[in-house]
Amino acid sequence: MRVILSPQASVEIDEILAFIARDNPAAAVRYVAGMRKKIRSLGRFPRIHPIRDDLPGELRSAVYGSHLILFRIGERTVDVARVVHGARDLPSLFGESGG
């Protein structure tokens, strides 16, 4: 399956790169390169990642380092919606009350 990044996910990846690069530019490049590799790999077996019952729209999550890659499976694509730090309050981020 083809993997498509939402504009929001692209911005978030750029922000992750910039945040890490403040302290260590080389580490930032390595981290984001690994993250992009993980994102590309979602196209092979996306269903191995769990559906998040606490989030709307059958979002699934894949973990990379301290970040979550949140995506949906379409007919022919894997659509990456967000890339966020794992410590974020995800139901609040998506406007849900949770549960």
C-alpha atoms as a PDB file:
ATOM      1  CA  MET A   1       0.000   0.000   0.000  1.00  0.00           C
ATOM      2  CA  ARG A   2       1.066   3.537  -0.645  1.00  0.00           C
ATOM      3  CA  VAL A   3       1.741   5.694   2.425  1.00  0.00           C
ATOM      4  CA  ILE A   4       0.491   9.272   2.356  1.00  0.00           C
ATOM      5  CA  LEU A   5       1.402  11.924   4.937  1.00  0.00           C
ATOM      6  CA  SER A   6      -1.189  14.519   5.831  1.00  0.00           C
ATOM      7  CA  PRO A   7       0.005  18.127   5.741  1.00  0.00           C
ATOM      8  CA  GLN A   8      -0.291  18.159   9.561  1.00  0.00           C
ATOM      9  CA  ALA A   9       1.939  15.059   9.899  1.00  0.00           C
ATOM     10  CA  SER A  10       4.552  16.629   7.603  1.00  0.00           C
ATOM     11  CA  VAL A  11       4.614  19.773   9.727  1.00  0.00           C
ATOM     12  CA  GLU A  12       4.890  17.712  12.911  1.00  0.00           C
ATOM     13  CA  ILE A  13       7.869  15.762  11.548  1.00  0.00           C
ATOM     14  CA  ASP A  14       9.582  19.041  10.651  1.00  0.00           C
ATOM     15  CA  GLU A  15       8.883  20.340  14.168  1.00  0.00           C
ATOM     16  CA  ILE A  16      10.353  17.174  15.718  1.00  0.00           C
ATOM     17  CA  LEU A  17      13.475  17.630  13.604  1.00  0.00           C
ATOM     18  CA  ALA A  18      13.823  21.275  14.640  1.00  0.00           C
ATOM     19  CA  PHE A  19      13.250  20.510  18.325  1.00  0.00           C
ATOM     20  CA  ILE A  20      15.896  17.780  18.501  1.00  0.00           C
ATOM     21  CA  ALA A  21      18.298  19.778  16.310  1.00  0.00           C
ATOM     22  CA  ARG A  22      18.455  22.559  18.918  1.00  0.00           C
ATOM     23  CA  ASP A  23      20.653  20.272  21.033  1.00  0.00           C
ATOM     24  CA  ASN A  24      22.049  17.825  18.488  1.00  0.00           C
ATOM     25  CA  PRO A  25      21.562  18.375  14.739  1.00  0.00           C
ATOM     26  CA  ALA A  26      23.133  15.048  13.751  1.00  0.00           C
ATOM     27  CA  ALA A  27      20.904  13.118  16.161  1.00  0.00           C
ATOM     28  CA  ALA A  28      17.869  14.974  14.821  1.00  0.00           C
ATOM     29  CA  VAL A  29      18.648  13.934  11.259  1.00  0.00           C
ATOM     30  CA  ARG A  30      19.157  10.299  12.334  1.00  0.00           C
ATOM     31  CA  TYR A  31      15.963  10.224  14.397  1.00  0.00           C
ATOM     32  CA  VAL A  32      13.773  11.692  11.672  1.00  0.00           C
ATOM     33  CA  ALA A  33      15.368   9.464   9.008  1.00  0.00           C
ATOM     34  CA  GLY A  34      14.496   6.431  11.145  1.00  0.00           C
ATOM     35  CA  MET A  35      10.997   7.765  11.679  1.00  0.00           C
ATOM     36  CA  ARG A  36      10.491   8.233   7.942  1.00  0.00           C
ATOM     37  CA  LYS A  37      11.684   4.664   7.364  1.00  0.00           C
ATOM     38  CA  LYS A  38       9.160   3.429   9.947  1.00  0.00           C
ATOM     39  CA  ILE A  39       6.417   5.449   8.254  1.00  0.00           C
ATOM     40  CA  ARG A  40       7.262   3.971   4.845  1.00  0.00           C
ATOM     41  CA  SER A  41       7.157   0.478   6.357  1.00  0.00           C
ATOM     42  CA  LEU A  42       3.516   0.988   7.397  1.00  0.00           C
ATOM     43  CA  GLY A  43       2.510   0.243   3.815  1.00  0.00           C
ATOM     44  CA  ARG A  44       3.618  -3.377   4.100  1.00  0.00           C
ATOM     45  CA  PHE A  45       1.664  -4.666   7.096  1.00  0.00           C
ATOM     46  CA  PRO A  46      -0.413  -1.809   8.512  1.00  0.00           C
ATOM     47  CA  ARG A  47      -2.896  -4.082  10.283  1.00  0.00           C
ATOM     48  CA  ILE A  48      -0.290  -5.325  12.759  1.00  0.00           C
ATOM     49  CA  HIS A  49      -0.686  -1.982  14.533  1.00  0.00           C
ATOM     50  CA  PRO A  50      -3.656  -1.687  16.894  1.00  0.00           C
ATOM     51  CA  ILE A  51      -6.754   0.417  16.403  1.00  0.00           C
ATOM     52  CA  ARG A  52      -6.901   3.040  19.147  1.00  0.00           C
ATOM     53  CA  ASP A  53     -10.287   2.710  20.808  1.00  0.00           C
ATOM     54  CA  ASP A  54      -9.650   6.006  22.592  1.00  0.00           C
ATOM     55  CA  LEU A  55      -9.452   7.919  19.295  1.00  0.00           C
ATOM     56  CA  PRO A  56     -11.993   8.614  16.555  1.00  0.00           C
ATOM     57  CA  GLY A  57     -12.141   7.171  13.080  1.00  0.00           C
ATOM     58  CA  GLU A  58     -10.343   3.846  13.474  1.00  0.00           C
ATOM     59  CA  LEU A  59      -6.976   5.492  13.972  1.00  0.00           C
ATOM     60  CA  ARG A  60      -4.122   3.061  14.501  1.00  0.00           C
ATOM     61  CA  SER A  61      -0.817   3.805  16.174  1.00  0.00           C
ATOM     62  CA  ALA A  62       2.736   2.759  15.502  1.00  0.00           C
ATOM     63  CA  VAL A  63       5.500   3.637  17.936  1.00  0.00           C
ATOM     64  CA  TYR A  64       8.798   5.190  16.924  1.00  0.00           C
ATOM     65  CA  GLY A  65      11.046   6.229  19.791  1.00  0.00           C
ATOM     66  CA  SER A  66       9.005   8.511  22.016  1.00  0.00           C
ATOM     67  CA  HIS A  67       6.533   9.345  19.234  1.00  0.00           C
ATOM     68  CA  LEU A  68       3.317   7.850  17.935  1.00  0.00           C
ATOM     69  CA  ILE A  69       2.518   7.660  14.252  1.00  0.00           C
ATOM     70  CA  LEU A  70      -1.274   7.811  13.980  1.00  0.00           C
ATOM     71  CA  PHE A  71      -2.779   6.519  10.756  1.00  0.00           C
ATOM     72  CA  ARG A  72      -5.816   5.055   9.020  1.00  0.00           C
ATOM     73  CA  ILE A  73      -5.960   2.303   6.454  1.00  0.00           C
ATOM     74  CA  GLY A  74      -7.740   3.288   3.261  1.00  0.00           C
ATOM     75  CA  GLU A  75      -8.681   1.133   0.293  1.00  0.00           C
ATOM     76  CA  ARG A  76      -5.271   1.452  -1.341  1.00  0.00           C
ATOM     77  CA  THR A  77      -3.374   3.744   0.983  1.00  0.00           C
ATOM     78  CA  VAL A  78      -2.128   4.152   4.505  1.00  0.00           C
ATOM     79  CA  ASP A  79      -2.974   7.705   5.520  1.00  0.00           C
ATOM     80  CA  VAL A  80      -0.750   9.139   8.251  1.00  0.00           C
ATOM     81  CA  ALA A  81      -2.842  11.692  10.110  1.00  0.00           C
ATOM     82  CA  ARG A  82      -0.514  12.831  12.904  1.00  0.00           C
ATOM     83  CA  VAL A  83       2.931  12.252  14.398  1.00  0.00           C
ATOM     84  CA  VAL A  84       2.897  13.199  18.076  1.00  0.00           C
ATOM     85  CA  HIS A  85       4.861  12.673  21.260  1.00  0.00           C
ATOM     86  CA  GLY A  86       3.622   9.656  23.176  1.00  0.00           C
ATOM     87  CA  ALA A  87       3.089  11.707  26.333  1.00  0.00           C
ATOM     88  CA  ARG A  88       0.409  13.854  24.681  1.00  0.00           C
ATOM     89  CA  ASP A  89      -3.193  13.585  25.871  1.00  0.00           C
ATOM     90  CA  LEU A  90      -4.457  12.069  22.637  1.00  0.00           C
ATOM     91  CA  PRO A  91      -8.216  12.172  23.305  1.00  0.00           C
ATOM     92  CA  SER A  92      -7.914  15.903  24.040  1.00  0.00           C
ATOM     93  CA  LEU A  93      -5.766  16.392  20.949  1.00  0.00           C
ATOM     94  CA  PHE A  94      -8.550  14.908  18.840  1.00  0.00           C
ATOM     95  CA  GLY A  95     -11.343  16.655  20.721  1.00  0.00           C
ATOM     96  CA  GLU A  96     -12.605  13.463  22.326  1.00  0.00           C
ATOM     97  CA  SER A  97     -13.464  12.889  25.935  1.00  0.00           C
ATOM     98  CA  GLY A  98     -11.854   9.440  25.764  1.00  0.00           C
ATOM     99  CA  GLY A  99     -13.231   5.999  26.425  1.00  0.00           C
END
